[in-house]
Protein backbone atom coordinates (compact mmCIF):
# COMPACT_ATOMS: atom_id res chain seq x y z
CA UNK A 1 -0.18 10.49 -8.26
CA UNK A 2 -0.48 11.50 -4.63
CA UNK A 3 -3.44 10.11 -2.69
CA UNK A 4 -4.19 10.92 0.91
CA UNK A 5 -5.66 8.59 3.46
CA UNK A 6 -9.41 7.99 3.10
CA UNK A 7 -11.78 10.54 4.49
CA UNK A 8 -14.35 8.30 6.15
CA UNK A 9 -15.63 10.01 9.28
CA UNK A 10 -16.97 6.87 10.91
CA UNK A 11 -13.93 4.60 10.72
CA UNK A 12 -10.18 4.64 10.31
CA UNK A 13 -8.88 4.01 6.82
CA UNK A 14 -5.33 2.83 6.27
CA UNK A 15 -5.32 2.49 2.50
CA UNK A 16 -5.69 4.91 -0.40
CA UNK A 17 -7.77 2.19 -2.05
CA UNK A 18 -10.29 1.89 0.81
CA UNK A 19 -13.47 3.87 0.28
CA UNK A 20 -12.07 5.77 -2.70
CA UNK A 21 -12.31 5.51 -6.47
CA UNK A 22 -8.55 5.03 -6.83
CA UNK A 23 -8.77 1.52 -8.33
CA UNK A 24 -11.17 2.64 -11.07
CA UNK A 25 -9.22 5.86 -11.59
CA UNK A 26 -6.00 3.92 -12.26
CA UNK A 27 -7.68 1.32 -14.45
CA UNK A 28 -9.35 3.97 -16.63
CA UNK A 29 -5.90 5.38 -17.31
CA UNK A 30 -4.42 1.99 -18.18
CA UNK A 31 -2.17 1.89 -15.14
CA UNK A 32 -1.18 -1.64 -14.13
CA UNK A 33 1.59 -1.01 -11.60
CA UNK A 34 1.53 0.67 -8.18
CA UNK A 35 4.48 1.90 -6.12
CA UNK A 36 3.44 2.29 -2.50
CA UNK A 37 5.52 4.60 -0.28
CA UNK A 38 4.98 6.50 2.95
CA UNK A 39 5.05 6.35 6.69
CA UNK A 40 3.42 3.61 8.69
CA UNK A 41 5.01 0.64 6.93
CA UNK A 42 3.19 -1.80 9.20
CA UNK A 43 -0.16 -0.03 8.87
CA UNK A 44 -0.92 2.28 5.92
CA UNK A 45 1.78 1.07 3.54
CA UNK A 46 1.04 -2.59 4.29
CA UNK A 47 -2.72 -2.16 3.90
CA UNK A 48 -2.48 -0.08 0.72
CA UNK A 49 -0.05 -2.55 -0.86
CA UNK A 50 -2.23 -5.53 0.02
CA UNK A 51 -5.27 -3.73 -1.39
CA UNK A 52 -3.38 -2.89 -4.59
CA UNK A 53 -2.23 -6.46 -5.16
CA UNK A 54 -5.74 -7.77 -4.39
CA UNK A 55 -7.07 -5.37 -7.05
CA UNK A 56 -4.73 -6.92 -9.59
CA UNK A 57 -2.00 -4.30 -9.78
CA UNK A 58 1.67 -5.23 -9.99
CA UNK A 59 2.59 -3.77 -6.62
CA UNK A 60 5.96 -2.53 -5.35
CA UNK A 61 7.00 -1.24 -1.94
CA UNK A 62 10.37 0.51 -1.72
CA UNK A 63 11.63 -0.02 1.83
CA UNK A 64 13.87 3.06 1.77
CA UNK A 65 10.71 5.20 1.45
CA UNK A 66 8.83 3.72 4.41
CA UNK A 67 9.24 3.47 8.16
CA UNK A 68 7.73 1.07 10.63
CA UNK A 69 6.65 1.93 14.15
CA UNK A 70 8.52 -1.11 15.50
CA UNK A 71 11.19 -3.36 14.01
CA UNK A 72 9.04 -6.45 14.58
CA UNK A 73 6.00 -4.77 13.01
CA UNK A 74 8.10 -3.84 10.01
CA UNK A 75 9.38 -7.37 9.55
CA UNK A 76 5.85 -8.78 9.90
CA UNK A 77 4.66 -6.30 7.26
CA UNK A 78 7.46 -7.23 4.85
CA UNK A 79 6.73 -10.93 5.35
CA UNK A 80 3.01 -10.38 4.67
CA UNK A 81 3.75 -8.28 1.58
CA UNK A 82 6.14 -10.82 0.11
CA UNK A 83 3.71 -13.62 0.93
CA UNK A 84 0.97 -11.82 -1.00
CA UNK A 85 3.17 -11.30 -4.05
CA UNK A 86 4.15 -7.67 -3.51
CA UNK A 87 7.58 -6.83 -4.91
CA UNK A 88 9.54 -5.51 -1.94
CA UNK A 89 12.47 -3.37 -3.09
CA UNK A 90 15.37 -3.17 -0.66
CA UNK A 91 16.68 0.16 -2.05
């Protein structure tokens, strides 16, 4: 499933789960696992993955499919994801 960034006109949204019905949409279909990919590893990918894990999904981020704006930001994102229980895939 391909979800674009939220469409809120009054604020920035960095997660496909923020301000959308994605969580309910996935649950209605019996989906229990989320693979988060995309640009903005230290913003959009990080936020979407943290939202997915908070919603109870087994959450994976494949590092080869993301890019961080800075090396430090990327490492901070990976540390936060691992700390929250996200499965960070190196390949």
